[in-house]
């Protein structure tokens, strides 16, 4: 049971990390567009 909880927490961390990367990426695109215009 403890192992399952640990795996779930790790999965949650991966999901959170992916969301963070997407946010960072979209912010970068916005900055690039702002510079071009």
PDB file of N, CA and C in Angstrom:
ATOM      1  N   UNK A   1       0.835  -1.204   0.000  1.00  0.00           N
ATOM      2  CA  UNK A   1       0.000   0.000   0.000  1.00  0.00           C
ATOM      3  C   UNK A   1       0.865   1.247   0.000  1.00  0.00           C
ATOM      4  N   UNK A   2       1.914   1.252   0.791  1.00  0.00           N
ATOM      5  CA  UNK A   2       2.821   2.393   0.867  1.00  0.00           C
ATOM      6  C   UNK A   2       3.497   2.620  -0.494  1.00  0.00           C
ATOM      7  N   UNK A   3       3.868   1.520  -1.142  1.00  0.00           N
ATOM      8  CA  UNK A   3       4.509   1.593  -2.453  1.00  0.00           C
ATOM      9  C   UNK A   3       3.586   2.259  -3.468  1.00  0.00           C
ATOM     10  N   UNK A   4       2.299   1.903  -3.419  1.00  0.00           N
ATOM     11  CA  UNK A   4       1.303   2.481  -4.322  1.00  0.00           C
ATOM     12  C   UNK A   4       1.190   3.985  -4.106  1.00  0.00           C
ATOM     13  N   UNK A   5       1.160   4.392  -2.852  1.00  0.00           N
ATOM     14  CA  UNK A   5       1.073   5.816  -2.511  1.00  0.00           C
ATOM     15  C   UNK A   5       2.300   6.572  -3.029  1.00  0.00           C
ATOM     16  N   UNK A   6       3.450   5.942  -2.925  1.00  0.00           N
ATOM     17  CA  UNK A   6       4.694   6.560  -3.396  1.00  0.00           C
ATOM     18  C   UNK A   6       4.669   6.740  -4.914  1.00  0.00           C
ATOM     19  N   UNK A   7       4.211   5.707  -5.627  1.00  0.00           N
ATOM     20  CA  UNK A   7       4.121   5.773  -7.090  1.00  0.00           C
ATOM     21  C   UNK A   7       3.142   6.862  -7.521  1.00  0.00           C
ATOM     22  N   UNK A   8       2.038   6.965  -6.793  1.00  0.00           N
ATOM     23  CA  UNK A   8       1.019   7.974  -7.091  1.00  0.00           C
ATOM     24  C   UNK A   8       1.594   9.379  -6.907  1.00  0.00           C
ATOM     25  N   UNK A   9       2.338   9.567  -5.842  1.00  0.00           N
ATOM     26  CA  UNK A   9       2.974  10.865  -5.571  1.00  0.00           C
ATOM     27  C   UNK A   9       3.985  11.211  -6.657  1.00  0.00           C
ATOM     28  N   UNK A  10       4.718  10.216  -7.105  1.00  0.00           N
ATOM     29  CA  UNK A  10       5.712  10.419  -8.162  1.00  0.00           C
ATOM     30  C   UNK A  10       5.022  10.796  -9.467  1.00  0.00           C
ATOM     31  N   UNK A  11       3.917  10.120  -9.775  1.00  0.00           N
ATOM     32  CA  UNK A  11       3.128  10.433 -10.967  1.00  0.00           C
ATOM     33  C   UNK A  11       2.609  11.868 -10.897  1.00  0.00           C
ATOM     34  N   UNK A  12       2.129  12.256  -9.737  1.00  0.00           N
ATOM     35  CA  UNK A  12       1.647  13.614  -9.523  1.00  0.00           C
ATOM     36  C   UNK A  12       2.742  14.640  -9.765  1.00  0.00           C
ATOM     37  N   UNK A  13       3.932  14.318  -9.325  1.00  0.00           N
ATOM     38  CA  UNK A  13       5.077  15.200  -9.521  1.00  0.00           C
ATOM     39  C   UNK A  13       5.427  15.353 -10.995  1.00  0.00           C
ATOM     40  N   UNK A  14       5.317  14.259 -11.729  1.00  0.00           N
ATOM     41  CA  UNK A  14       5.610  14.291 -13.171  1.00  0.00           C
ATOM     42  C   UNK A  14       4.584  15.163 -13.884  1.00  0.00           C
ATOM     43  N   UNK A  15       3.303  14.993 -13.522  1.00  0.00           N
ATOM     44  CA  UNK A  15       2.233  15.783 -14.130  1.00  0.00           C
ATOM     45  C   UNK A  15       2.451  17.270 -13.837  1.00  0.00           C
ATOM     46  N   UNK A  16       2.775  17.583 -12.607  1.00  0.00           N
ATOM     47  CA  UNK A  16       3.011  18.969 -12.199  1.00  0.00           C
ATOM     48  C   UNK A  16       4.185  19.550 -12.992  1.00  0.00           C
ATOM     49  N   UNK A  17       5.233  18.739 -13.154  1.00  0.00           N
ATOM     50  CA  UNK A  17       6.421  19.162 -13.896  1.00  0.00           C
ATOM     51  C   UNK A  17       6.065  19.453 -15.361  1.00  0.00           C
ATOM     52  N   UNK A  18       5.243  18.590 -15.975  1.00  0.00           N
ATOM     53  CA  UNK A  18       4.836  18.784 -17.366  1.00  0.00           C
ATOM     54  C   UNK A  18       4.014  20.047 -17.527  1.00  0.00           C
ATOM     55  N   UNK A  19       3.127  20.327 -16.575  1.00  0.00           N
ATOM     56  CA  UNK A  19       2.326  21.548 -16.629  1.00  0.00           C
ATOM     57  C   UNK A  19       3.227  22.767 -16.528  1.00  0.00           C
ATOM     58  N   UNK A  20       4.224  22.700 -15.668  1.00  0.00           N
ATOM     59  CA  UNK A  20       5.173  23.797 -15.496  1.00  0.00           C
ATOM     60  C   UNK A  20       5.931  24.048 -16.796  1.00  0.00           C
ATOM     61  N   UNK A  21       6.368  22.973 -17.461  1.00  0.00           N
ATOM     62  CA  UNK A  21       7.100  23.103 -18.724  1.00  0.00           C
ATOM     63  C   UNK A  21       6.217  23.750 -19.796  1.00  0.00           C
ATOM     64  N   UNK A  22       4.923  23.358 -19.838  1.00  0.00           N
ATOM     65  CA  UNK A  22       3.995  23.935 -20.816  1.00  0.00           C
ATOM     66  C   UNK A  22       3.811  25.422 -20.574  1.00  0.00           C
ATOM     67  N   UNK A  23       3.666  25.798 -19.312  1.00  0.00           N
ATOM     68  CA  UNK A  23       3.489  27.211 -18.960  1.00  0.00           C
ATOM     69  C   UNK A  23       4.715  28.011 -19.376  1.00  0.00           C
ATOM     70  N   UNK A  24       5.889  27.467 -19.080  1.00  0.00           N
ATOM     71  CA  UNK A  24       7.148  28.126 -19.424  1.00  0.00           C
ATOM     72  C   UNK A  24       7.256  28.286 -20.940  1.00  0.00           C
ATOM     73  N   UNK A  25       6.870  27.243 -21.675  1.00  0.00           N
ATOM     74  CA  UNK A  25       6.952  27.239 -23.126  1.00  0.00           C
ATOM     75  C   UNK A  25       6.001  28.275 -23.727  1.00  0.00           C
ATOM     76  N   UNK A  26       4.765  28.323 -23.241  1.00  0.00           N
ATOM     77  CA  UNK A  26       3.795  29.286 -23.769  1.00  0.00           C
ATOM     78  C   UNK A  26       4.208  30.720 -23.436  1.00  0.00           C
ATOM     79  N   UNK A  27       4.813  30.907 -22.282  1.00  0.00           N
ATOM     80  CA  UNK A  27       5.321  32.233 -21.903  1.00  0.00           C
ATOM     81  C   UNK A  27       6.434  32.652 -22.863  1.00  0.00           C
ATOM     82  N   UNK A  28       7.273  31.702 -23.233  1.00  0.00           N
ATOM     83  CA  UNK A  28       8.384  31.984 -24.155  1.00  0.00           C
ATOM     84  C   UNK A  28       7.840  32.398 -25.523  1.00  0.00           C
ATOM     85  N   UNK A  29       6.803  31.703 -25.994  1.00  0.00           N
ATOM     86  CA  UNK A  29       6.183  32.027 -27.283  1.00  0.00           C
ATOM     87  C   UNK A  29       5.608  33.446 -27.252  1.00  0.00           C
ATOM     88  N   UNK A  30       4.944  33.792 -26.166  1.00  0.00           N
ATOM     89  CA  UNK A  30       4.366  35.133 -26.018  1.00  0.00           C
ATOM     90  C   UNK A  30       5.446  36.206 -26.066  1.00  0.00           C
ATOM     91  N   UNK A  31       6.559  35.956 -25.428  1.00  0.00           N
ATOM     92  CA  UNK A  31       7.675  36.915 -25.412  1.00  0.00           C
ATOM     93  C   UNK A  31       8.231  37.078 -26.828  1.00  0.00           C
ATOM     94  N   UNK A  32       8.400  35.959 -27.535  1.00  0.00           N
ATOM     95  CA  UNK A  32       8.933  35.995 -28.904  1.00  0.00           C
ATOM     96  C   UNK A  32       7.988  36.781 -29.811  1.00  0.00           C
ATOM     97  N   UNK A  33       6.689  36.531 -29.679  1.00  0.00           N
ATOM     98  CA  UNK A  33       5.699  37.246 -30.493  1.00  0.00           C
ATOM     99  C   UNK A  33       5.716  38.736 -30.187  1.00  0.00           C
ATOM    100  N   UNK A  34       5.835  39.078 -28.925  1.00  0.00           N
ATOM    101  CA  UNK A  34       5.878  40.480 -28.513  1.00  0.00           C
ATOM    102  C   UNK A  34       7.106  41.186 -29.098  1.00  0.00           C
ATOM    103  N   UNK A  35       8.223  40.472 -29.152  1.00  0.00           N
ATOM    104  CA  UNK A  35       9.453  41.052 -29.703  1.00  0.00           C
ATOM    105  C   UNK A  35       9.345  41.262 -31.211  1.00  0.00           C
ATOM    106  N   UNK A  36       8.669  40.340 -31.892  1.00  0.00           N
ATOM    107  CA  UNK A  36       8.538  40.426 -33.356  1.00  0.00           C
ATOM    108  C   UNK A  36       7.616  41.550 -33.774  1.00  0.00           C
ATOM    109  N   UNK A  37       6.562  41.792 -33.018  1.00  0.00           N
ATOM    110  CA  UNK A  37       5.569  42.802 -33.406  1.00  0.00           C
ATOM    111  C   UNK A  37       6.050  44.227 -33.150  1.00  0.00           C
TER     112      UNK A  37
END
